[in-house]
Amino acid sequence: MKVSGNGHGRPETVSAKADRLLGQHRVIITGSREALVIGDGDTYRVSRPAKRWLCTCPGFRFHGAWRRCAHILAVLRALKDPSSQAPVARLADLLAECQPGR
């Protein structure tokens, strides 16, 4: 599945976006079944209250259980690679960068 552009005029796949979010340290694991992902336009909550992962992003609300969004994929990859987590000192800067109007 292809999603929004990547700034180079080409559509970005869900997998590529997940890798980019993870590589930019935009996944914050807050528990074994919960995380925050600083997306391109907002910060989203990803959680697994039962058997499947859920995300608060518009894409997941639209597609629902049919496919995983990039935010869920990024969280799953972050859980497998703890070194992908942002250093605590950098978290406030990352959150501030994603606030509208800044």
PDB file of N, CA and C in Angstrom:
ATOM      1  N   MET A   1       0.841  -1.180   0.000  1.00  0.00           N
ATOM      2  CA  MET A   1       0.000   0.000   0.000  1.00  0.00           C
ATOM      3  C   MET A   1       0.880   1.234   0.000  1.00  0.00           C
ATOM      4  N   LYS A   2       0.487   2.228  -0.756  1.00  0.00           N
ATOM      5  CA  LYS A   2       1.239   3.470  -0.808  1.00  0.00           C
ATOM      6  C   LYS A   2       0.525   4.541  -0.007  1.00  0.00           C
ATOM      7  N   VAL A   3       1.308   5.381   0.636  1.00  0.00           N
ATOM      8  CA  VAL A   3       0.751   6.472   1.433  1.00  0.00           C
ATOM      9  C   VAL A   3       1.321   7.784   0.942  1.00  0.00           C
ATOM     10  N   SER A   4       1.252   8.795   1.782  1.00  0.00           N
ATOM     11  CA  SER A   4       1.655  10.142   1.388  1.00  0.00           C
ATOM     12  C   SER A   4       3.059  10.193   0.802  1.00  0.00           C
ATOM     13  N   GLY A   5       3.310  11.271   0.085  1.00  0.00           N
ATOM     14  CA  GLY A   5       4.608  11.464  -0.562  1.00  0.00           C
ATOM     15  C   GLY A   5       5.736  11.556   0.440  1.00  0.00           C
ATOM     16  N   ASN A   6       6.936  11.331  -0.045  1.00  0.00           N
ATOM     17  CA  ASN A   6       8.102  11.347   0.824  1.00  0.00           C
ATOM     18  C   ASN A   6       8.959  12.585   0.620  1.00  0.00           C
ATOM     19  N   GLY A   7       8.416  13.598  -0.025  1.00  0.00           N
ATOM     20  CA  GLY A   7       9.165  14.815  -0.252  1.00  0.00           C
ATOM     21  C   GLY A   7       9.999  14.784  -1.513  1.00  0.00           C
ATOM     22  N   HIS A   8      10.008  13.651  -2.197  1.00  0.00           N
ATOM     23  CA  HIS A   8      10.781  13.510  -3.424  1.00  0.00           C
ATOM     24  C   HIS A   8       9.874  13.275  -4.624  1.00  0.00           C
ATOM     25  N   GLY A   9       8.572  13.541  -4.468  1.00  0.00           N
ATOM     26  CA  GLY A   9       7.628  13.384  -5.564  1.00  0.00           C
ATOM     27  C   GLY A   9       7.143  11.962  -5.778  1.00  0.00           C
ATOM     28  N   ARG A  10       7.637  11.020  -4.974  1.00  0.00           N
ATOM     29  CA  ARG A  10       7.210   9.625  -5.101  1.00  0.00           C
ATOM     30  C   ARG A  10       6.375   9.238  -3.886  1.00  0.00           C
ATOM     31  N   PRO A  11       5.342   8.406  -4.088  1.00  0.00           N
ATOM     32  CA  PRO A  11       4.558   7.940  -2.941  1.00  0.00           C
ATOM     33  C   PRO A  11       5.439   7.077  -2.037  1.00  0.00           C
ATOM     34  N   GLU A  12       5.165   7.124  -0.763  1.00  0.00           N
ATOM     35  CA  GLU A  12       5.920   6.350   0.224  1.00  0.00           C
ATOM     36  C   GLU A  12       5.075   5.157   0.656  1.00  0.00           C
ATOM     37  N   THR A  13       5.653   3.977   0.682  1.00  0.00           N
ATOM     38  CA  THR A  13       4.911   2.797   1.120  1.00  0.00           C
ATOM     39  C   THR A  13       4.735   2.839   2.637  1.00  0.00           C
ATOM     40  N   VAL A  14       3.783   2.072   3.141  1.00  0.00           N
ATOM     41  CA  VAL A  14       3.552   1.983   4.579  1.00  0.00           C
ATOM     42  C   VAL A  14       4.813   1.487   5.274  1.00  0.00           C
ATOM     43  N   SER A  15       5.463   0.493   4.697  1.00  0.00           N
ATOM     44  CA  SER A  15       6.679  -0.055   5.285  1.00  0.00           C
ATOM     45  C   SER A  15       7.810   0.978   5.307  1.00  0.00           C
ATOM     46  N   ALA A  16       7.962   1.722   4.224  1.00  0.00           N
ATOM     47  CA  ALA A  16       9.012   2.743   4.160  1.00  0.00           C
ATOM     48  C   ALA A  16       8.735   3.860   5.167  1.00  0.00           C
ATOM     49  N   LYS A  17       7.469   4.229   5.323  1.00  0.00           N
ATOM     50  CA  LYS A  17       7.130   5.270   6.295  1.00  0.00           C
ATOM     51  C   LYS A  17       7.413   4.778   7.711  1.00  0.00           C
ATOM     52  N   ALA A  18       7.084   3.523   8.002  1.00  0.00           N
ATOM     53  CA  ALA A  18       7.373   2.960   9.319  1.00  0.00           C
ATOM     54  C   ALA A  18       8.879   2.996   9.596  1.00  0.00           C
ATOM     55  N   ASP A  19       9.683   2.622   8.604  1.00  0.00           N
ATOM     56  CA  ASP A  19      11.141   2.667   8.758  1.00  0.00           C
ATOM     57  C   ASP A  19      11.626   4.092   9.004  1.00  0.00           C
ATOM     58  N   ARG A  20      11.045   5.050   8.283  1.00  0.00           N
ATOM     59  CA  ARG A  20      11.446   6.448   8.443  1.00  0.00           C
ATOM     60  C   ARG A  20      11.099   6.960   9.840  1.00  0.00           C
ATOM     61  N   LEU A  21       9.889   6.676  10.308  1.00  0.00           N
ATOM     62  CA  LEU A  21       9.483   7.101  11.642  1.00  0.00           C
ATOM     63  C   LEU A  21      10.396   6.506  12.707  1.00  0.00           C
ATOM     64  N   LEU A  22      10.710   5.251  12.541  1.00  0.00           N
ATOM     65  CA  LEU A  22      11.588   4.566  13.485  1.00  0.00           C
ATOM     66  C   LEU A  22      13.002   5.138  13.419  1.00  0.00           C
ATOM     67  N   GLY A  23      13.503   5.353  12.219  1.00  0.00           N
ATOM     68  CA  GLY A  23      14.847   5.890  12.037  1.00  0.00           C
ATOM     69  C   GLY A  23      15.002   7.301  12.561  1.00  0.00           C
ATOM     70  N   GLN A  24      13.911   8.057  12.582  1.00  0.00           N
ATOM     71  CA  GLN A  24      13.932   9.425  13.112  1.00  0.00           C
ATOM     72  C   GLN A  24      13.590   9.467  14.601  1.00  0.00           C
ATOM     73  N   HIS A  25      13.556   8.305  15.245  1.00  0.00           N
ATOM     74  CA  HIS A  25      13.275   8.185  16.685  1.00  0.00           C
ATOM     75  C   HIS A  25      11.941   8.828  17.060  1.00  0.00           C
ATOM     76  N   ARG A  26      10.925   8.554  16.263  1.00  0.00           N
ATOM     77  CA  ARG A  26       9.610   9.160  16.505  1.00  0.00           C
ATOM     78  C   ARG A  26       8.629   8.180  17.127  1.00  0.00           C
ATOM     79  N   VAL A  27       9.145   7.057  17.637  1.00  0.00           N
ATOM     80  CA  VAL A  27       8.322   6.066  18.326  1.00  0.00           C
ATOM     81  C   VAL A  27       8.732   6.084  19.795  1.00  0.00           C
ATOM     82  N   ILE A  28       7.752   6.271  20.670  1.00  0.00           N
ATOM     83  CA  ILE A  28       8.006   6.313  22.108  1.00  0.00           C
ATOM     84  C   ILE A  28       7.202   5.196  22.753  1.00  0.00           C
ATOM     85  N   ILE A  29       7.874   4.145  23.180  1.00  0.00           N
ATOM     86  CA  ILE A  29       7.209   3.020  23.828  1.00  0.00           C
ATOM     87  C   ILE A  29       6.876   3.438  25.254  1.00  0.00           C
ATOM     88  N   THR A  30       5.597   3.390  25.596  1.00  0.00           N
ATOM     89  CA  THR A  30       5.163   3.792  26.934  1.00  0.00           C
ATOM     90  C   THR A  30       4.746   2.597  27.789  1.00  0.00           C
ATOM     91  N   GLY A  31       4.720   1.424  27.205  1.00  0.00           N
ATOM     92  CA  GLY A  31       4.355   0.208  27.918  1.00  0.00           C
ATOM     93  C   GLY A  31       4.502  -0.975  26.981  1.00  0.00           C
ATOM     94  N   SER A  32       4.286  -2.186  27.486  1.00  0.00           N
ATOM     95  CA  SER A  32       4.464  -3.373  26.647  1.00  0.00           C
ATOM     96  C   SER A  32       3.423  -3.466  25.528  1.00  0.00           C
ATOM     97  N   ARG A  33       2.303  -2.762  25.688  1.00  0.00           N
ATOM     98  CA  ARG A  33       1.235  -2.799  24.680  1.00  0.00           C
ATOM     99  C   ARG A  33       0.756  -1.406  24.304  1.00  0.00           C
ATOM    100  N   GLU A  34       1.661  -0.425  24.445  1.00  0.00           N
ATOM    101  CA  GLU A  34       1.239   0.947  24.189  1.00  0.00           C
ATOM    102  C   GLU A  34       2.430   1.813  23.787  1.00  0.00           C
ATOM    103  N   ALA A  35       2.171   2.750  22.870  1.00  0.00           N
ATOM    104  CA  ALA A  35       3.223   3.656  22.420  1.00  0.00           C
ATOM    105  C   ALA A  35       2.615   4.933  21.862  1.00  0.00           C
ATOM    106  N   LEU A  36       3.457   5.935  21.739  1.00  0.00           N
ATOM    107  CA  LEU A  36       3.105   7.164  21.033  1.00  0.00           C
ATOM    108  C   LEU A  36       3.989   7.231  19.807  1.00  0.00           C
ATOM    109  N   VAL A  37       3.418   7.649  18.691  1.00  0.00           N
ATOM    110  CA  VAL A  37       4.191   7.810  17.464  1.00  0.00           C
ATOM    111  C   VAL A  37       3.994   9.248  16.997  1.00  0.00           C
ATOM    112  N   ILE A  38       5.109   9.943  16.836  1.00  0.00           N
ATOM    113  CA  ILE A  38       5.061  11.318  16.345  1.00  0.00           C
ATOM    114  C   ILE A  38       4.997  11.236  14.831  1.00  0.00           C
ATOM    115  N   GLY A  39       3.803  11.393  14.305  1.00  0.00           N
ATOM    116  CA  GLY A  39       3.588  11.283  12.867  1.00  0.00           C
ATOM    117  C   GLY A  39       3.965  12.560  12.145  1.00  0.00           C
ATOM    118  N   ASP A  40       3.664  12.614  10.874  1.00  0.00           N
ATOM    119  CA  ASP A  40       4.005  13.783  10.071  1.00  0.00           C
ATOM    120  C   ASP A  40       3.102  14.980  10.378  1.00  0.00           C
ATOM    121  N   GLY A  41       1.889  14.722  10.865  1.00  0.00           N
ATOM    122  CA  GLY A  41       0.969  15.816  11.118  1.00  0.00           C
ATOM    123  C   GLY A  41       0.457  15.887  12.538  1.00  0.00           C
ATOM    124  N   ASP A  42       0.655  14.826  13.310  1.00  0.00           N
ATOM    125  CA  ASP A  42       0.126  14.769  14.668  1.00  0.00           C
ATOM    126  C   ASP A  42       0.833  13.652  15.412  1.00  0.00           C
ATOM    127  N   THR A  43       0.549  13.526  16.696  1.00  0.00           N
ATOM    128  CA  THR A  43       1.073  12.421  17.491  1.00  0.00           C
ATOM    129  C   THR A  43      -0.073  11.443  17.717  1.00  0.00           C
ATOM    130  N   TYR A  44       0.201  10.154  17.479  1.00  0.00           N
ATOM    131  CA  TYR A  44      -0.842   9.139  17.540  1.00  0.00           C
ATOM    132  C   TYR A  44      -0.560   8.132  18.644  1.00  0.00           C
ATOM    133  N   ARG A  45      -1.630   7.623  19.228  1.00  0.00           N
ATOM    134  CA  ARG A  45      -1.530   6.590  20.255  1.00  0.00           C
ATOM    135  C   ARG A  45      -1.745   5.238  19.581  1.00  0.00           C
ATOM    136  N   VAL A  46      -0.809   4.349  19.806  1.00  0.00           N
ATOM    137  CA  VAL A  46      -0.900   2.983  19.302  1.00  0.00           C
ATOM    138  C   VAL A  46      -0.995   2.071  20.520  1.00  0.00           C
ATOM    139  N   SER A  47      -1.978   1.181  20.519  1.00  0.00           N
ATOM    140  CA  SER A  47      -2.162   0.305  21.672  1.00  0.00           C
ATOM    141  C   SER A  47      -2.689  -1.053  21.233  1.00  0.00           C
ATOM    142  N   ARG A  48      -2.538  -1.995  22.157  1.00  0.00           N
ATOM    143  CA  ARG A  48      -3.056  -3.344  21.912  1.00  0.00           C
ATOM    144  C   ARG A  48      -3.858  -3.767  23.138  1.00  0.00           C
ATOM    145  N   PRO A  49      -5.109  -3.303  23.216  1.00  0.00           N
ATOM    146  CA  PRO A  49      -5.930  -3.636  24.383  1.00  0.00           C
ATOM    147  C   PRO A  49      -6.398  -5.086  24.396  1.00  0.00           C
ATOM    148  N   ALA A  50      -6.421  -5.709  23.245  1.00  0.00           N
ATOM    149  CA  ALA A  50      -6.855  -7.113  23.151  1.00  0.00           C
ATOM    150  C   ALA A  50      -5.934  -7.839  22.160  1.00  0.00           C
ATOM    151  N   LYS A  51      -6.501  -8.504  21.181  1.00  0.00           N
ATOM    152  CA  LYS A  51      -5.707  -9.312  20.247  1.00  0.00           C
ATOM    153  C   LYS A  51      -5.053  -8.515  19.133  1.00  0.00           C
ATOM    154  N   ARG A  52      -5.608  -7.357  18.773  1.00  0.00           N
ATOM    155  CA  ARG A  52      -5.048  -6.619  17.644  1.00  0.00           C
ATOM    156  C   ARG A  52      -4.616  -5.212  18.055  1.00  0.00           C
ATOM    157  N   TRP A  53      -3.674  -4.687  17.287  1.00  0.00           N
ATOM    158  CA  TRP A  53      -3.161  -3.348  17.518  1.00  0.00           C
ATOM    159  C   TRP A  53      -4.134  -2.315  16.948  1.00  0.00           C
ATOM    160  N   LEU A  54      -4.254  -1.181  17.644  1.00  0.00           N
ATOM    161  CA  LEU A  54      -5.110  -0.086  17.231  1.00  0.00           C
ATOM    162  C   LEU A  54      -4.280   1.193  17.148  1.00  0.00           C
ATOM    163  N   CYS A  55      -4.705   2.127  16.307  1.00  0.00           N
ATOM    164  CA  CYS A  55      -4.032   3.414  16.174  1.00  0.00           C
ATOM    165  C   CYS A  55      -5.077   4.513  16.063  1.00  0.00           C
ATOM    166  N   THR A  56      -4.746   5.687  16.572  1.00  0.00           N
ATOM    167  CA  THR A  56      -5.680   6.806  16.536  1.00  0.00           C
ATOM    168  C   THR A  56      -5.544   7.649  15.265  1.00  0.00           C
ATOM    169  N   CYS A  57      -4.710   7.240  14.318  1.00  0.00           N
ATOM    170  CA  CYS A  57      -4.517   8.019  13.095  1.00  0.00           C
ATOM    171  C   CYS A  57      -5.739   7.902  12.169  1.00  0.00           C
ATOM    172  N   PRO A  58      -5.937   8.903  11.300  1.00  0.00           N
ATOM    173  CA  PRO A  58      -7.073   8.860  10.365  1.00  0.00           C
ATOM    174  C   PRO A  58      -7.027   7.661   9.417  1.00  0.00           C
ATOM    175  N   GLY A  59      -5.844   7.273   8.991  1.00  0.00           N
ATOM    176  CA  GLY A  59      -5.724   6.133   8.084  1.00  0.00           C
ATOM    177  C   GLY A  59      -6.223   4.845   8.700  1.00  0.00           C
ATOM    178  N   PHE A  60      -5.881   4.624   9.959  1.00  0.00           N
ATOM    179  CA  PHE A  60      -6.347   3.410  10.631  1.00  0.00           C
ATOM    180  C   PHE A  60      -7.845   3.466  10.857  1.00  0.00           C
ATOM    181  N   ARG A  61      -8.359   4.642  11.212  1.00  0.00           N
ATOM    182  CA  ARG A  61      -9.808   4.763  11.406  1.00  0.00           C
ATOM    183  C   ARG A  61     -10.549   4.463  10.108  1.00  0.00           C
ATOM    184  N   PHE A  62      -9.953   4.831   8.972  1.00  0.00           N
ATOM    185  CA  PHE A  62     -10.589   4.585   7.680  1.00  0.00           C
ATOM    186  C   PHE A  62     -10.497   3.112   7.278  1.00  0.00           C
ATOM    187  N   HIS A  63      -9.301   2.530   7.392  1.00  0.00           N
ATOM    188  CA  HIS A  63      -9.087   1.142   6.948  1.00  0.00           C
ATOM    189  C   HIS A  63      -9.375   0.128   8.049  1.00  0.00           C
ATOM    190  N   GLY A  64      -9.257   0.548   9.310  1.00  0.00           N
ATOM    191  CA  GLY A  64      -9.555  -0.331  10.434  1.00  0.00           C
ATOM    192  C   GLY A  64      -8.757  -1.624  10.432  1.00  0.00           C
ATOM    193  N   ALA A  65      -9.450  -2.710  10.639  1.00  0.00           N
ATOM    194  CA  ALA A  65      -8.797  -4.011  10.784  1.00  0.00           C
ATOM    195  C   ALA A  65      -8.242  -4.566   9.481  1.00  0.00           C
ATOM    196  N   TRP A  66      -8.524  -3.914   8.371  1.00  0.00           N
ATOM    197  CA  TRP A  66      -8.114  -4.464   7.088  1.00  0.00           C
ATOM    198  C   TRP A  66      -6.604  -4.428   6.865  1.00  0.00           C
ATOM    199  N   ARG A  67      -5.933  -3.417   7.422  1.00  0.00           N
ATOM    200  CA  ARG A  67      -4.481  -3.350   7.252  1.00  0.00           C
ATOM    201  C   ARG A  67      -3.866  -2.522   8.356  1.00  0.00           C
ATOM    202  N   ARG A  68      -2.607  -2.790   8.609  1.00  0.00           N
ATOM    203  CA  ARG A  68      -1.876  -2.039   9.623  1.00  0.00           C
ATOM    204  C   ARG A  68      -1.362  -0.736   9.027  1.00  0.00           C
ATOM    205  N   CYS A  69      -1.433   0.310   9.810  1.00  0.00           N
ATOM    206  CA  CYS A  69      -0.883   1.593   9.365  1.00  0.00           C
ATOM    207  C   CYS A  69       0.621   1.635   9.662  1.00  0.00           C
ATOM    208  N   ALA A  70       1.280   2.665   9.160  1.00  0.00           N
ATOM    209  CA  ALA A  70       2.723   2.822   9.357  1.00  0.00           C
ATOM    210  C   ALA A  70       3.074   2.995  10.833  1.00  0.00           C
ATOM    211  N   HIS A  71       2.177   3.596  11.592  1.00  0.00           N
ATOM    212  CA  HIS A  71       2.446   3.832  13.011  1.00  0.00           C
ATOM    213  C   HIS A  71       2.490   2.515  13.782  1.00  0.00           C
ATOM    214  N   ILE A  72       1.569   1.604  13.472  1.00  0.00           N
ATOM    215  CA  ILE A  72       1.571   0.286  14.115  1.00  0.00           C
ATOM    216  C   ILE A  72       2.821  -0.483  13.711  1.00  0.00           C
ATOM    217  N   LEU A  73       3.155  -0.466  12.420  1.00  0.00           N
ATOM    218  CA  LEU A  73       4.373  -1.163  11.980  1.00  0.00           C
ATOM    219  C   LEU A  73       5.609  -0.607  12.664  1.00  0.00           C
ATOM    220  N   ALA A  74       5.683   0.711  12.809  1.00  0.00           N
ATOM    221  CA  ALA A  74       6.836   1.330  13.463  1.00  0.00           C
ATOM    222  C   ALA A  74       6.932   0.876  14.925  1.00  0.00           C
ATOM    223  N   VAL A  75       5.792   0.792  15.608  1.00  0.00           N
ATOM    224  CA  VAL A  75       5.794   0.333  17.004  1.00  0.00           C
ATOM    225  C   VAL A  75       6.252  -1.121  17.086  1.00  0.00           C
ATOM    226  N   LEU A  76       5.734  -1.972  16.211  1.00  0.00           N
ATOM    227  CA  LEU A  76       6.136  -3.383  16.228  1.00  0.00           C
ATOM    228  C   LEU A  76       7.643  -3.525  16.006  1.00  0.00           C
ATOM    229  N   ARG A  77       8.193  -2.725  15.104  1.00  0.00           N
ATOM    230  CA  ARG A  77       9.628  -2.764  14.843  1.00  0.00           C
ATOM    231  C   ARG A  77      10.420  -2.206  16.024  1.00  0.00           C
ATOM    232  N   ALA A  78       9.890  -1.175  16.669  1.00  0.00           N
ATOM    233  CA  ALA A  78      10.564  -0.591  17.832  1.00  0.00           C
ATOM    234  C   ALA A  78      10.597  -1.582  18.998  1.00  0.00           C
ATOM    235  N   LEU A  79       9.542  -2.353  19.162  1.00  0.00           N
ATOM    236  CA  LEU A  79       9.512  -3.341  20.237  1.00  0.00           C
ATOM    237  C   LEU A  79      10.573  -4.415  20.033  1.00  0.00           C
ATOM    238  N   LYS A  80      10.901  -4.693  18.780  1.00  0.00           N
ATOM    239  CA  LYS A  80      11.945  -5.678  18.466  1.00  0.00           C
ATOM    240  C   LYS A  80      13.347  -5.096  18.584  1.00  0.00           C
ATOM    241  N   ASP A  81      13.462  -3.744  18.521  1.00  0.00           N
ATOM    242  CA  ASP A  81      14.766  -3.084  18.528  1.00  0.00           C
ATOM    243  C   ASP A  81      14.756  -1.912  19.512  1.00  0.00           C
ATOM    244  N   PRO A  82      14.995  -2.181  20.802  1.00  0.00           N
ATOM    245  CA  PRO A  82      14.966  -1.114  21.805  1.00  0.00           C
ATOM    246  C   PRO A  82      15.958   0.027  21.530  1.00  0.00           C
ATOM    247  N   SER A  83      17.001  -0.225  20.773  1.00  0.00           N
ATOM    248  CA  SER A  83      17.976   0.840  20.480  1.00  0.00           C
ATOM    249  C   SER A  83      17.388   1.912  19.564  1.00  0.00           C
ATOM    250  N   SER A  84      16.226   1.650  18.987  1.00  0.00           N
ATOM    251  CA  SER A  84      15.592   2.620  18.100  1.00  0.00           C
ATOM    252  C   SER A  84      14.886   3.733  18.875  1.00  0.00           C
ATOM    253  N   GLN A  85      14.806   3.596  20.176  1.00  0.00           N
ATOM    254  CA  GLN A  85      14.118   4.584  20.998  1.00  0.00           C
ATOM    255  C   GLN A  85      14.902   5.886  21.081  1.00  0.00           C
ATOM    256  N   ALA A  86      14.186   6.982  21.083  1.00  0.00           N
ATOM    257  CA  ALA A  86      14.814   8.301  21.182  1.00  0.00           C
ATOM    258  C   ALA A  86      15.395   8.495  22.581  1.00  0.00           C
ATOM    259  N   PRO A  87      16.572   9.113  22.665  1.00  0.00           N
ATOM    260  CA  PRO A  87      17.101   9.461  23.990  1.00  0.00           C
ATOM    261  C   PRO A  87      16.123  10.415  24.684  1.00  0.00           C
ATOM    262  N   VAL A  88      15.982  10.287  25.995  1.00  0.00           N
ATOM    263  CA  VAL A  88      15.012  11.070  26.745  1.00  0.00           C
ATOM    264  C   VAL A  88      15.213  12.569  26.528  1.00  0.00           C
ATOM    265  N   ALA A  89      16.434  13.022  26.447  1.00  0.00           N
ATOM    266  CA  ALA A  89      16.702  14.450  26.274  1.00  0.00           C
ATOM    267  C   ALA A  89      16.141  14.972  24.956  1.00  0.00           C
ATOM    268  N   ARG A  90      15.967  14.105  23.980  1.00  0.00           N
ATOM    269  CA  ARG A  90      15.505  14.517  22.654  1.00  0.00           C
ATOM    270  C   ARG A  90      13.978  14.491  22.535  1.00  0.00           C
ATOM    271  N   LEU A  91      13.285  13.815  23.444  1.00  0.00           N
ATOM    272  CA  LEU A  91      11.837  13.650  23.326  1.00  0.00           C
ATOM    273  C   LEU A  91      11.084  14.978  23.349  1.00  0.00           C
ATOM    274  N   ALA A  92      11.433  15.880  24.232  1.00  0.00           N
ATOM    275  CA  ALA A  92      10.731  17.162  24.303  1.00  0.00           C
ATOM    276  C   ALA A  92      10.891  17.928  22.994  1.00  0.00           C
ATOM    277  N   ASP A  93      12.077  17.906  22.418  1.00  0.00           N
ATOM    278  CA  ASP A  93      12.304  18.585  21.130  1.00  0.00           C
ATOM    279  C   ASP A  93      11.446  17.972  20.032  1.00  0.00           C
ATOM    280  N   LEU A  94      11.372  16.643  19.984  1.00  0.00           N
ATOM    281  CA  LEU A  94      10.586  15.968  18.960  1.00  0.00           C
ATOM    282  C   LEU A  94       9.107  16.316  19.095  1.00  0.00           C
ATOM    283  N   LEU A  95       8.595  16.311  20.313  1.00  0.00           N
ATOM    284  CA  LEU A  95       7.193  16.652  20.522  1.00  0.00           C
ATOM    285  C   LEU A  95       6.919  18.108  20.149  1.00  0.00           C
ATOM    286  N   ALA A  96       7.816  18.994  20.498  1.00  0.00           N
ATOM    287  CA  ALA A  96       7.634  20.409  20.179  1.00  0.00           C
ATOM    288  C   ALA A  96       7.632  20.652  18.663  1.00  0.00           C
ATOM    289  N   GLU A  97       8.472  19.910  17.941  1.00  0.00           N
ATOM    290  CA  GLU A  97       8.547  20.062  16.485  1.00  0.00           C
ATOM    291  C   GLU A  97       7.235  19.683  15.803  1.00  0.00           C
ATOM    292  N   CYS A  98       6.451  18.823  16.430  1.00  0.00           N
ATOM    293  CA  CYS A  98       5.232  18.321  15.805  1.00  0.00           C
ATOM    294  C   CYS A  98       3.993  19.122  16.194  1.00  0.00           C
ATOM    295  N   GLN A  99       4.137  20.123  17.013  1.00  0.00           N
ATOM    296  CA  GLN A  99       2.999  20.931  17.412  1.00  0.00           C
ATOM    297  C   GLN A  99       2.612  21.873  16.273  1.00  0.00           C
ATOM    298  N   PRO A 100       1.334  21.980  15.962  1.00  0.00           N
ATOM    299  CA  PRO A 100       0.879  22.889  14.908  1.00  0.00           C
ATOM    300  C   PRO A 100       1.268  24.335  15.226  1.00  0.00           C
ATOM    301  N   GLY A 101       1.645  25.068  14.199  1.00  0.00           N
ATOM    302  CA  GLY A 101       1.969  26.477  14.351  1.00  0.00           C
ATOM    303  C   GLY A 101       3.395  26.749  14.780  1.00  0.00           C
ATOM    304  N   ARG A 102       4.218  25.728  14.831  1.00  0.00           N
ATOM    305  CA  ARG A 102       5.627  25.935  15.207  1.00  0.00           C
ATOM    306  C   ARG A 102       6.529  25.711  14.043  1.00  0.00           C
TER     307      ARG A 102
END
